[in-house]
């Protein structure tokens, strides 16, 4: 991909989007689609913050130039031309990062890769919510939890403390503030004591689903998980061995099922079936066969029975 023209200095008013722009730069070569939507989020958010002062107008104009250049370079990519594909791509990428970091956290392996992955996942969920309007309870909870964990573990390691592994209780009214040092939110070093009634467990969603995507057990990080965080935590990253994938059981009835003549599919049914197929295609970009198969099964069942 051709290099993009550099942006002018970031105006102070746009401090809240600096991490999205940094993530975009990190993904220009790793995943240009992710880079594009990070910039699109920054553009939309920046317009709402300040589009009138000269320095902000100049910055937004250059950012718009970058978006146009990217759009031309990626013009034949369905994740750019079709919103439903772009949303699926971004959600799948964020999910992979979240699951990688969560698995490392539960195993007690605390290192800079997992901190970066937690925080990057939270930023990409920002993009999904803002750019695509996917404002679901699961998205909001995953975003808050990922950002909380990134800061909590970063602060513990920086202070020479051992983080508490796995799900922890998060106060619902806990306000978050940007912390330049951690590249995440500023939260207490010590987490509240867990309780069975209010502890948020990201792995406890029914049927292992996340906005329609089937989560395979033991999912691991994609090959392009970032290797660095903005500031070193002083901890050497562990070498992670990918977990062998377990393919889901396929319902034999699906092989012989034909669409019944009296089945009437609504436009919403067609849209959902298409979305499952796009999720499957996006999962295959990360060689995630289990997720792809499960989503294709859901699409086939919906199209042949009219039910999910």
C-alpha atoms as a PDB file:
ATOM      1  CA  UNK A   1       0.000   0.000   0.000  1.00  0.00           C
ATOM      2  CA  UNK A   2       1.307   3.425  -0.943  1.00  0.00           C
ATOM      3  CA  UNK A   3       2.439   5.676   1.895  1.00  0.00           C
ATOM      4  CA  UNK A   4      -0.037   8.317   3.032  1.00  0.00           C
ATOM      5  CA  UNK A   5       0.768  12.008   3.303  1.00  0.00           C
ATOM      6  CA  UNK A   6       1.640  12.850   6.922  1.00  0.00           C
ATOM      7  CA  UNK A   7      -0.808  14.688   9.148  1.00  0.00           C
ATOM      8  CA  UNK A   8      -0.041  18.062  10.728  1.00  0.00           C
ATOM      9  CA  UNK A   9       0.475  18.237  14.519  1.00  0.00           C
ATOM     10  CA  UNK A  10      -2.561  17.072  16.471  1.00  0.00           C
ATOM     11  CA  UNK A  11      -4.536  20.015  17.890  1.00  0.00           C
ATOM     12  CA  UNK A  12      -5.026  19.820  21.674  1.00  0.00           C
ATOM     13  CA  UNK A  13      -8.791  19.655  21.122  1.00  0.00           C
ATOM     14  CA  UNK A  14      -8.344  16.292  19.433  1.00  0.00           C
ATOM     15  CA  UNK A  15      -6.463  14.561  22.235  1.00  0.00           C
ATOM     16  CA  UNK A  16      -9.293  12.038  22.635  1.00  0.00           C
ATOM     17  CA  UNK A  17      -8.730  10.610  19.134  1.00  0.00           C
ATOM     18  CA  UNK A  18      -4.947  10.327  19.255  1.00  0.00           C
ATOM     19  CA  UNK A  19      -4.983   6.635  20.183  1.00  0.00           C
ATOM     20  CA  UNK A  20      -7.313   5.803  17.286  1.00  0.00           C
ATOM     21  CA  UNK A  21      -4.950   7.589  14.915  1.00  0.00           C
ATOM     22  CA  UNK A  22      -1.975   5.727  16.398  1.00  0.00           C
ATOM     23  CA  UNK A  23      -3.827   2.429  15.950  1.00  0.00           C
ATOM     24  CA  UNK A  24      -4.532   3.401  12.341  1.00  0.00           C
ATOM     25  CA  UNK A  25      -0.822   3.967  11.693  1.00  0.00           C
ATOM     26  CA  UNK A  26       0.068   0.633  13.304  1.00  0.00           C
ATOM     27  CA  UNK A  27      -2.353  -1.163  10.985  1.00  0.00           C
ATOM     28  CA  UNK A  28      -1.571   0.564   7.681  1.00  0.00           C
ATOM     29  CA  UNK A  29       0.370  -2.526   6.616  1.00  0.00           C
ATOM     30  CA  UNK A  30      -1.076  -5.149   8.949  1.00  0.00           C
ATOM     31  CA  UNK A  31      -4.721  -4.556   8.095  1.00  0.00           C
ATOM     32  CA  UNK A  32      -5.569  -1.505   5.923  1.00  0.00           C
ATOM     33  CA  UNK A  33      -9.306  -2.015   6.515  1.00  0.00           C
ATOM     34  CA  UNK A  34      -8.827  -1.582  10.269  1.00  0.00           C
ATOM     35  CA  UNK A  35      -6.608   1.442   9.582  1.00  0.00           C
ATOM     36  CA  UNK A  36      -9.305   2.981   7.369  1.00  0.00           C
ATOM     37  CA  UNK A  37     -12.070   2.671   9.944  1.00  0.00           C
ATOM     38  CA  UNK A  38      -9.869   3.953  12.761  1.00  0.00           C
ATOM     39  CA  UNK A  39      -9.288   7.101  10.697  1.00  0.00           C
ATOM     40  CA  UNK A  40     -12.979   7.312   9.822  1.00  0.00           C
ATOM     41  CA  UNK A  41     -13.831   7.198  13.534  1.00  0.00           C
ATOM     42  CA  UNK A  42     -11.251   9.914  14.220  1.00  0.00           C
ATOM     43  CA  UNK A  43     -12.696  12.024  11.417  1.00  0.00           C
ATOM     44  CA  UNK A  44     -16.299  11.708  12.580  1.00  0.00           C
ATOM     45  CA  UNK A  45     -15.371  12.342  16.203  1.00  0.00           C
ATOM     46  CA  UNK A  46     -13.104  15.263  15.345  1.00  0.00           C
ATOM     47  CA  UNK A  47     -15.879  16.928  13.330  1.00  0.00           C
ATOM     48  CA  UNK A  48     -18.099  16.816  16.404  1.00  0.00           C
ATOM     49  CA  UNK A  49     -15.385  18.229  18.673  1.00  0.00           C
ATOM     50  CA  UNK A  50     -14.235  21.211  16.593  1.00  0.00           C
ATOM     51  CA  UNK A  51     -14.541  21.810  12.869  1.00  0.00           C
ATOM     52  CA  UNK A  52     -14.295  25.612  12.933  1.00  0.00           C
ATOM     53  CA  UNK A  53     -10.953  26.724  14.359  1.00  0.00           C
ATOM     54  CA  UNK A  54      -8.213  27.022  11.693  1.00  0.00           C
ATOM     55  CA  UNK A  55      -5.855  24.405  13.131  1.00  0.00           C
ATOM     56  CA  UNK A  56      -8.661  21.879  13.549  1.00  0.00           C
ATOM     57  CA  UNK A  57     -10.009  22.524  10.057  1.00  0.00           C
ATOM     58  CA  UNK A  58      -6.519  22.047   8.603  1.00  0.00           C
ATOM     59  CA  UNK A  59      -6.018  18.804  10.500  1.00  0.00           C
ATOM     60  CA  UNK A  60      -9.411  17.409   9.493  1.00  0.00           C
ATOM     61  CA  UNK A  61      -8.782  18.372   5.877  1.00  0.00           C
ATOM     62  CA  UNK A  62      -5.523  16.397   5.819  1.00  0.00           C
ATOM     63  CA  UNK A  63      -7.197  13.489   7.577  1.00  0.00           C
ATOM     64  CA  UNK A  64      -9.922  13.548   4.933  1.00  0.00           C
ATOM     65  CA  UNK A  65      -7.206  13.393   2.270  1.00  0.00           C
ATOM     66  CA  UNK A  66      -5.817  10.260   3.922  1.00  0.00           C
ATOM     67  CA  UNK A  67      -9.285   8.674   3.968  1.00  0.00           C
ATOM     68  CA  UNK A  68      -9.828   9.441   0.284  1.00  0.00           C
ATOM     69  CA  UNK A  69      -6.419   8.020  -0.596  1.00  0.00           C
ATOM     70  CA  UNK A  70      -7.132   4.845   1.365  1.00  0.00           C
ATOM     71  CA  UNK A  71     -10.553   4.492  -0.221  1.00  0.00           C
ATOM     72  CA  UNK A  72      -8.994   4.637  -3.692  1.00  0.00           C
ATOM     73  CA  UNK A  73      -6.337   2.083  -2.785  1.00  0.00           C
ATOM     74  CA  UNK A  74      -8.924  -0.256  -1.253  1.00  0.00           C
ATOM     75  CA  UNK A  75     -11.638   0.445  -3.802  1.00  0.00           C
ATOM     76  CA  UNK A  76     -12.151  -3.231  -4.681  1.00  0.00           C
ATOM     77  CA  UNK A  77     -12.332  -4.366  -1.036  1.00  0.00           C
ATOM     78  CA  UNK A  78     -15.881  -5.251   0.025  1.00  0.00           C
ATOM     79  CA  UNK A  79     -15.070  -4.309   3.616  1.00  0.00           C
ATOM     80  CA  UNK A  80     -14.807  -0.712   2.378  1.00  0.00           C
ATOM     81  CA  UNK A  81     -17.579  -0.670  -0.226  1.00  0.00           C
ATOM     82  CA  UNK A  82     -20.172  -2.618   1.797  1.00  0.00           C
ATOM     83  CA  UNK A  83     -21.003  -1.499   5.306  1.00  0.00           C
ATOM     84  CA  UNK A  84     -22.151  -4.918   6.503  1.00  0.00           C
ATOM     85  CA  UNK A  85     -18.835  -6.485   5.463  1.00  0.00           C
ATOM     86  CA  UNK A  86     -16.822  -3.686   7.051  1.00  0.00           C
ATOM     87  CA  UNK A  87     -18.716  -4.036  10.320  1.00  0.00           C
ATOM     88  CA  UNK A  88     -18.165  -7.803  10.345  1.00  0.00           C
ATOM     89  CA  UNK A  89     -14.455  -7.365   9.605  1.00  0.00           C
ATOM     90  CA  UNK A  90     -13.960  -4.860  12.412  1.00  0.00           C
ATOM     91  CA  UNK A  91     -16.016  -6.838  14.924  1.00  0.00           C
ATOM     92  CA  UNK A  92     -14.138 -10.035  14.155  1.00  0.00           C
ATOM     93  CA  UNK A  93     -10.779  -8.305  14.478  1.00  0.00           C
ATOM     94  CA  UNK A  94     -11.759  -6.695  17.801  1.00  0.00           C
ATOM     95  CA  UNK A  95     -13.106 -10.019  19.036  1.00  0.00           C
ATOM     96  CA  UNK A  96      -9.866 -11.824  18.204  1.00  0.00           C
ATOM     97  CA  UNK A  97      -7.835  -9.282  20.132  1.00  0.00           C
ATOM     98  CA  UNK A  98     -10.230  -9.363  23.074  1.00  0.00           C
ATOM     99  CA  UNK A  99     -10.220 -13.177  23.265  1.00  0.00           C
ATOM    100  CA  UNK A 100      -6.440 -13.356  22.984  1.00  0.00           C
ATOM    101  CA  UNK A 101      -5.994 -10.875  25.849  1.00  0.00           C
ATOM    102  CA  UNK A 102      -8.743 -12.480  27.945  1.00  0.00           C
ATOM    103  CA  UNK A 103      -7.246 -15.966  27.542  1.00  0.00           C
ATOM    104  CA  UNK A 104      -3.819 -14.658  28.550  1.00  0.00           C
ATOM    105  CA  UNK A 105      -5.344 -12.848  31.527  1.00  0.00           C
ATOM    106  CA  UNK A 106      -7.211 -15.941  32.759  1.00  0.00           C
ATOM    107  CA  UNK A 107      -3.991 -17.962  32.458  1.00  0.00           C
ATOM    108  CA  UNK A 108      -2.102 -15.379  34.534  1.00  0.00           C
ATOM    109  CA  UNK A 109       0.272 -14.479  31.697  1.00  0.00           C
ATOM    110  CA  UNK A 110       0.655 -10.707  32.017  1.00  0.00           C
ATOM    111  CA  UNK A 111       2.761  -8.991  29.351  1.00  0.00           C
ATOM    112  CA  UNK A 112       2.745  -6.009  27.024  1.00  0.00           C
ATOM    113  CA  UNK A 113       1.137  -7.860  24.103  1.00  0.00           C
ATOM    114  CA  UNK A 114      -1.992  -8.665  26.077  1.00  0.00           C
ATOM    115  CA  UNK A 115      -2.215  -5.127  27.520  1.00  0.00           C
ATOM    116  CA  UNK A 116      -1.979  -3.683  24.025  1.00  0.00           C
ATOM    117  CA  UNK A 117      -4.537  -6.171  22.715  1.00  0.00           C
ATOM    118  CA  UNK A 118      -7.046  -5.356  25.457  1.00  0.00           C
ATOM    119  CA  UNK A 119      -6.755  -1.646  24.780  1.00  0.00           C
ATOM    120  CA  UNK A 120      -6.793  -1.937  20.990  1.00  0.00           C
ATOM    121  CA  UNK A 121      -9.919  -4.099  21.228  1.00  0.00           C
ATOM    122  CA  UNK A 122     -11.625  -1.349  23.220  1.00  0.00           C
ATOM    123  CA  UNK A 123     -10.683   1.242  20.588  1.00  0.00           C
ATOM    124  CA  UNK A 124     -12.022  -0.898  17.751  1.00  0.00           C
ATOM    125  CA  UNK A 125     -15.286  -1.430  19.617  1.00  0.00           C
ATOM    126  CA  UNK A 126     -15.473   2.380  19.777  1.00  0.00           C
ATOM    127  CA  UNK A 127     -15.242   2.323  15.984  1.00  0.00           C
ATOM    128  CA  UNK A 128     -17.955  -0.328  15.643  1.00  0.00           C
ATOM    129  CA  UNK A 129     -20.326   1.589  17.912  1.00  0.00           C
ATOM    130  CA  UNK A 130     -19.689   5.021  16.379  1.00  0.00           C
ATOM    131  CA  UNK A 131     -19.176   4.257  12.685  1.00  0.00           C
ATOM    132  CA  UNK A 132     -21.692   1.436  12.305  1.00  0.00           C
ATOM    133  CA  UNK A 133     -24.129   2.251  15.096  1.00  0.00           C
ATOM    134  CA  UNK A 134     -23.747  -1.223  16.662  1.00  0.00           C
ATOM    135  CA  UNK A 135     -24.601   0.076  20.138  1.00  0.00           C
ATOM    136  CA  UNK A 136     -25.323  -3.194  21.948  1.00  0.00           C
ATOM    137  CA  UNK A 137     -24.992  -4.030  25.636  1.00  0.00           C
ATOM    138  CA  UNK A 138     -22.318  -6.610  24.827  1.00  0.00           C
ATOM    139  CA  UNK A 139     -20.270  -4.109  22.841  1.00  0.00           C
ATOM    140  CA  UNK A 140     -20.463  -1.541  25.632  1.00  0.00           C
ATOM    141  CA  UNK A 141     -19.535  -4.092  28.329  1.00  0.00           C
ATOM    142  CA  UNK A 142     -16.654  -5.525  26.296  1.00  0.00           C
ATOM    143  CA  UNK A 143     -15.296  -2.043  25.608  1.00  0.00           C
ATOM    144  CA  UNK A 144     -15.435  -0.993  29.258  1.00  0.00           C
ATOM    145  CA  UNK A 145     -13.986  -4.260  30.523  1.00  0.00           C
ATOM    146  CA  UNK A 146     -11.141  -4.316  27.987  1.00  0.00           C
ATOM    147  CA  UNK A 147     -10.127  -0.744  28.747  1.00  0.00           C
ATOM    148  CA  UNK A 148     -10.338  -1.337  32.481  1.00  0.00           C
ATOM    149  CA  UNK A 149      -8.199  -4.466  32.267  1.00  0.00           C
ATOM    150  CA  UNK A 150      -5.575  -2.774  30.086  1.00  0.00           C
ATOM    151  CA  UNK A 151      -5.057  -0.003  32.613  1.00  0.00           C
ATOM    152  CA  UNK A 152      -5.309  -2.169  35.714  1.00  0.00           C
ATOM    153  CA  UNK A 153      -2.685  -4.670  34.509  1.00  0.00           C
ATOM    154  CA  UNK A 154      -0.431  -1.895  33.160  1.00  0.00           C
ATOM    155  CA  UNK A 155      -0.503  -0.081  36.504  1.00  0.00           C
ATOM    156  CA  UNK A 156       0.135  -3.274  38.477  1.00  0.00           C
ATOM    157  CA  UNK A 157       3.179  -4.199  36.410  1.00  0.00           C
ATOM    158  CA  UNK A 158       4.498  -0.650  36.545  1.00  0.00           C
ATOM    159  CA  UNK A 159       4.220  -0.683  40.345  1.00  0.00           C
ATOM    160  CA  UNK A 160       5.796  -4.123  40.706  1.00  0.00           C
ATOM    161  CA  UNK A 161       2.528  -5.742  41.786  1.00  0.00           C
ATOM    162  CA  UNK A 162       0.917  -8.985  40.620  1.00  0.00           C
ATOM    163  CA  UNK A 163      -2.419  -8.407  38.854  1.00  0.00           C
ATOM    164  CA  UNK A 164      -5.479 -10.420  39.757  1.00  0.00           C
ATOM    165  CA  UNK A 165      -6.158 -12.845  36.918  1.00  0.00           C
ATOM    166  CA  UNK A 166      -9.530 -13.325  35.298  1.00  0.00           C
ATOM    167  CA  UNK A 167     -12.840 -11.468  35.599  1.00  0.00           C
ATOM    168  CA  UNK A 168     -13.153  -8.814  38.297  1.00  0.00           C
ATOM    169  CA  UNK A 169     -15.933  -6.582  39.508  1.00  0.00           C
ATOM    170  CA  UNK A 170     -16.218  -3.193  37.824  1.00  0.00           C
ATOM    171  CA  UNK A 171     -18.322  -0.451  39.341  1.00  0.00           C
ATOM    172  CA  UNK A 172     -21.097   0.511  36.902  1.00  0.00           C
ATOM    173  CA  UNK A 173     -20.671   4.218  37.627  1.00  0.00           C
ATOM    174  CA  UNK A 174     -16.889   4.077  37.336  1.00  0.00           C
ATOM    175  CA  UNK A 175     -15.864   7.126  35.311  1.00  0.00           C
ATOM    176  CA  UNK A 176     -12.905   6.706  32.975  1.00  0.00           C
ATOM    177  CA  UNK A 177     -10.268   9.256  32.083  1.00  0.00           C
ATOM    178  CA  UNK A 178      -7.553   9.106  29.452  1.00  0.00           C
ATOM    179  CA  UNK A 179      -4.108   8.243  30.791  1.00  0.00           C
ATOM    180  CA  UNK A 180      -1.312   9.145  28.397  1.00  0.00           C
ATOM    181  CA  UNK A 181       1.209   6.887  30.124  1.00  0.00           C
ATOM    182  CA  UNK A 182      -0.824   3.688  29.927  1.00  0.00           C
ATOM    183  CA  UNK A 183      -2.468   4.537  26.626  1.00  0.00           C
ATOM    184  CA  UNK A 184      -5.688   3.564  28.318  1.00  0.00           C
ATOM    185  CA  UNK A 185      -8.078   4.713  31.037  1.00  0.00           C
ATOM    186  CA  UNK A 186      -6.947   5.877  34.442  1.00  0.00           C
ATOM    187  CA  UNK A 187      -8.338   3.489  37.035  1.00  0.00           C
ATOM    188  CA  UNK A 188      -7.325   2.281  40.490  1.00  0.00           C
ATOM    189  CA  UNK A 189      -4.398  -0.127  40.730  1.00  0.00           C
ATOM    190  CA  UNK A 190      -6.278  -2.444  43.081  1.00  0.00           C
ATOM    191  CA  UNK A 191      -9.535  -3.858  41.706  1.00  0.00           C
ATOM    192  CA  UNK A 192     -12.662  -4.086  43.848  1.00  0.00           C
ATOM    193  CA  UNK A 193     -13.216  -7.461  45.502  1.00  0.00           C
ATOM    194  CA  UNK A 194     -15.062  -9.843  43.194  1.00  0.00           C
ATOM    195  CA  UNK A 195     -18.614 -10.828  44.019  1.00  0.00           C
ATOM    196  CA  UNK A 196     -20.774 -13.489  42.385  1.00  0.00           C
ATOM    197  CA  UNK A 197     -23.583 -11.028  41.700  1.00  0.00           C
ATOM    198  CA  UNK A 198     -21.713  -8.240  39.986  1.00  0.00           C
ATOM    199  CA  UNK A 199     -18.480  -9.663  38.586  1.00  0.00           C
ATOM    200  CA  UNK A 200     -18.357  -9.220  34.817  1.00  0.00           C
ATOM    201  CA  UNK A 201     -17.202 -12.386  33.097  1.00  0.00           C
ATOM    202  CA  UNK A 202     -16.628 -11.826  29.358  1.00  0.00           C
ATOM    203  CA  UNK A 203     -16.625 -15.566  28.770  1.00  0.00           C
ATOM    204  CA  UNK A 204     -20.040 -16.219  30.285  1.00  0.00           C
ATOM    205  CA  UNK A 205     -22.297 -15.008  27.455  1.00  0.00           C
ATOM    206  CA  UNK A 206     -24.935 -17.483  26.464  1.00  0.00           C
ATOM    207  CA  UNK A 207     -23.859 -19.887  23.700  1.00  0.00           C
ATOM    208  CA  UNK A 208     -20.524 -18.095  23.523  1.00  0.00           C
ATOM    209  CA  UNK A 209     -21.928 -15.459  21.188  1.00  0.00           C
ATOM    210  CA  UNK A 210     -20.712 -11.937  20.589  1.00  0.00           C
ATOM    211  CA  UNK A 211     -22.980  -9.830  18.400  1.00  0.00           C
ATOM    212  CA  UNK A 212     -23.834 -12.862  16.305  1.00  0.00           C
ATOM    213  CA  UNK A 213     -20.336 -14.337  16.059  1.00  0.00           C
ATOM    214  CA  UNK A 214     -19.808 -17.816  17.513  1.00  0.00           C
ATOM    215  CA  UNK A 215     -16.752 -17.821  19.766  1.00  0.00           C
ATOM    216  CA  UNK A 216     -14.746 -21.050  19.551  1.00  0.00           C
ATOM    217  CA  UNK A 217     -13.284 -22.334  22.848  1.00  0.00           C
ATOM    218  CA  UNK A 218      -9.587 -21.589  23.205  1.00  0.00           C
ATOM    219  CA  UNK A 219      -9.561 -18.976  20.468  1.00  0.00           C
ATOM    220  CA  UNK A 220      -6.127 -17.425  20.033  1.00  0.00           C
ATOM    221  CA  UNK A 221      -4.728 -14.214  18.700  1.00  0.00           C
ATOM    222  CA  UNK A 222      -4.520 -13.460  14.993  1.00  0.00           C
ATOM    223  CA  UNK A 223      -1.073 -13.412  13.439  1.00  0.00           C
ATOM    224  CA  UNK A 224      -1.083  -9.626  13.305  1.00  0.00           C
ATOM    225  CA  UNK A 225      -1.615  -8.997  17.016  1.00  0.00           C
ATOM    226  CA  UNK A 226       0.470  -5.888  17.824  1.00  0.00           C
ATOM    227  CA  UNK A 227       3.888  -6.622  19.196  1.00  0.00           C
ATOM    228  CA  UNK A 228       4.377  -3.383  21.080  1.00  0.00           C
ATOM    229  CA  UNK A 229       2.654  -1.002  23.468  1.00  0.00           C
ATOM    230  CA  UNK A 230       3.352   2.769  23.444  1.00  0.00           C
ATOM    231  CA  UNK A 231       5.410   2.529  26.628  1.00  0.00           C
ATOM    232  CA  UNK A 232       7.273  -0.510  27.953  1.00  0.00           C
ATOM    233  CA  UNK A 233       5.884  -2.127  31.092  1.00  0.00           C
ATOM    234  CA  UNK A 234       9.260  -3.658  31.886  1.00  0.00           C
ATOM    235  CA  UNK A 235       7.934  -7.183  31.411  1.00  0.00           C
ATOM    236  CA  UNK A 236       9.219  -9.486  28.685  1.00  0.00           C
ATOM    237  CA  UNK A 237       6.501 -10.837  26.434  1.00  0.00           C
ATOM    238  CA  UNK A 238       5.843 -14.549  26.564  1.00  0.00           C
ATOM    239  CA  UNK A 239       5.919 -16.600  23.395  1.00  0.00           C
ATOM    240  CA  UNK A 240       2.383 -17.777  22.747  1.00  0.00           C
ATOM    241  CA  UNK A 241       1.761 -21.126  21.088  1.00  0.00           C
ATOM    242  CA  UNK A 242      -1.475 -21.180  19.051  1.00  0.00           C
ATOM    243  CA  UNK A 243      -4.174 -23.467  20.427  1.00  0.00           C
ATOM    244  CA  UNK A 244      -5.247 -26.206  17.972  1.00  0.00           C
ATOM    245  CA  UNK A 245      -8.719 -25.466  16.688  1.00  0.00           C
ATOM    246  CA  UNK A 246     -11.601 -27.814  17.479  1.00  0.00           C
ATOM    247  CA  UNK A 247     -14.116 -27.851  14.646  1.00  0.00           C
ATOM    248  CA  UNK A 248     -17.783 -27.626  15.647  1.00  0.00           C
ATOM    249  CA  UNK A 249     -20.126 -30.548  15.091  1.00  0.00           C
ATOM    250  CA  UNK A 250     -22.116 -30.143  11.899  1.00  0.00           C
ATOM    251  CA  UNK A 251     -25.806 -30.986  11.943  1.00  0.00           C
ATOM    252  CA  UNK A 252     -26.200 -33.804   9.341  1.00  0.00           C
ATOM    253  CA  UNK A 253     -29.727 -32.600   8.597  1.00  0.00           C
ATOM    254  CA  UNK A 254     -28.291 -29.483   6.980  1.00  0.00           C
ATOM    255  CA  UNK A 255     -26.807 -31.554   4.154  1.00  0.00           C
ATOM    256  CA  UNK A 256     -30.198 -32.871   3.045  1.00  0.00           C
ATOM    257  CA  UNK A 257     -32.322 -29.843   3.867  1.00  0.00           C
ATOM    258  CA  UNK A 258     -34.038 -28.105   0.991  1.00  0.00           C
ATOM    259  CA  UNK A 259     -36.034 -24.918   1.177  1.00  0.00           C
ATOM    260  CA  UNK A 260     -39.712 -25.681   1.733  1.00  0.00           C
ATOM    261  CA  UNK A 261     -42.113 -24.142  -0.756  1.00  0.00           C
ATOM    262  CA  UNK A 262     -44.191 -22.458   1.907  1.00  0.00           C
ATOM    263  CA  UNK A 263     -41.234 -20.764   3.592  1.00  0.00           C
ATOM    264  CA  UNK A 264     -41.542 -17.010   3.334  1.00  0.00           C
ATOM    265  CA  UNK A 265     -38.376 -15.138   4.140  1.00  0.00           C
ATOM    266  CA  UNK A 266     -38.589 -11.486   5.106  1.00  0.00           C
ATOM    267  CA  UNK A 267     -36.085  -8.811   4.042  1.00  0.00           C
ATOM    268  CA  UNK A 268     -34.761  -8.963   7.601  1.00  0.00           C
ATOM    269  CA  UNK A 269     -34.136 -12.718   7.207  1.00  0.00           C
ATOM    270  CA  UNK A 270     -32.146 -12.140   4.031  1.00  0.00           C
ATOM    271  CA  UNK A 271     -30.146  -9.393   5.728  1.00  0.00           C
ATOM    272  CA  UNK A 272     -29.321 -11.617   8.719  1.00  0.00           C
ATOM    273  CA  UNK A 273     -28.337 -14.522   6.479  1.00  0.00           C
ATOM    274  CA  UNK A 274     -26.072 -12.213   4.516  1.00  0.00           C
ATOM    275  CA  UNK A 275     -24.530 -10.953   7.724  1.00  0.00           C
ATOM    276  CA  UNK A 276     -23.750 -14.486   8.901  1.00  0.00           C
ATOM    277  CA  UNK A 277     -22.062 -15.198   5.563  1.00  0.00           C
ATOM    278  CA  UNK A 278     -20.002 -12.011   5.843  1.00  0.00           C
ATOM    279  CA  UNK A 279     -18.983 -12.949   9.385  1.00  0.00           C
ATOM    280  CA  UNK A 280     -17.862 -16.326   8.063  1.00  0.00           C
ATOM    281  CA  UNK A 281     -15.829 -14.709   5.286  1.00  0.00           C
ATOM    282  CA  UNK A 282     -14.194 -12.332   7.707  1.00  0.00           C
ATOM    283  CA  UNK A 283     -13.361 -15.196  10.091  1.00  0.00           C
ATOM    284  CA  UNK A 284     -11.593 -17.053   7.277  1.00  0.00           C
ATOM    285  CA  UNK A 285      -9.245 -14.092   6.850  1.00  0.00           C
ATOM    286  CA  UNK A 286      -7.860 -15.130  10.244  1.00  0.00           C
ATOM    287  CA  UNK A 287      -7.986 -18.860   9.377  1.00  0.00           C
ATOM    288  CA  UNK A 288     -10.691 -19.286  12.004  1.00  0.00           C
ATOM    289  CA  UNK A 289     -12.484 -22.287  10.521  1.00  0.00           C
ATOM    290  CA  UNK A 290     -14.658 -22.952  13.573  1.00  0.00           C
ATOM    291  CA  UNK A 291     -16.231 -19.498  13.553  1.00  0.00           C
ATOM    292  CA  UNK A 292     -16.723 -19.630   9.785  1.00  0.00           C
ATOM    293  CA  UNK A 293     -18.448 -23.023   9.877  1.00  0.00           C
ATOM    294  CA  UNK A 294     -20.765 -22.058  12.717  1.00  0.00           C
ATOM    295  CA  UNK A 295     -21.881 -18.856  11.016  1.00  0.00           C
ATOM    296  CA  UNK A 296     -22.443 -20.620   7.687  1.00  0.00           C
ATOM    297  CA  UNK A 297     -24.559 -23.204   9.482  1.00  0.00           C
ATOM    298  CA  UNK A 298     -26.682 -20.445  10.975  1.00  0.00           C
ATOM    299  CA  UNK A 299     -27.161 -18.835   7.576  1.00  0.00           C
ATOM    300  CA  UNK A 300     -28.123 -22.135   5.945  1.00  0.00           C
ATOM    301  CA  UNK A 301     -30.613 -22.992   8.668  1.00  0.00           C
ATOM    302  CA  UNK A 302     -32.229 -19.578   8.438  1.00  0.00           C
ATOM    303  CA  UNK A 303     -32.561 -19.768   4.641  1.00  0.00           C
ATOM    304  CA  UNK A 304     -33.971 -23.301   4.608  1.00  0.00           C
ATOM    305  CA  UNK A 305     -36.291 -23.160   7.620  1.00  0.00           C
ATOM    306  CA  UNK A 306     -37.010 -19.501   8.178  1.00  0.00           C
ATOM    307  CA  UNK A 307     -35.834 -19.929  11.761  1.00  0.00           C
ATOM    308  CA  UNK A 308     -32.549 -19.482  13.604  1.00  0.00           C
END
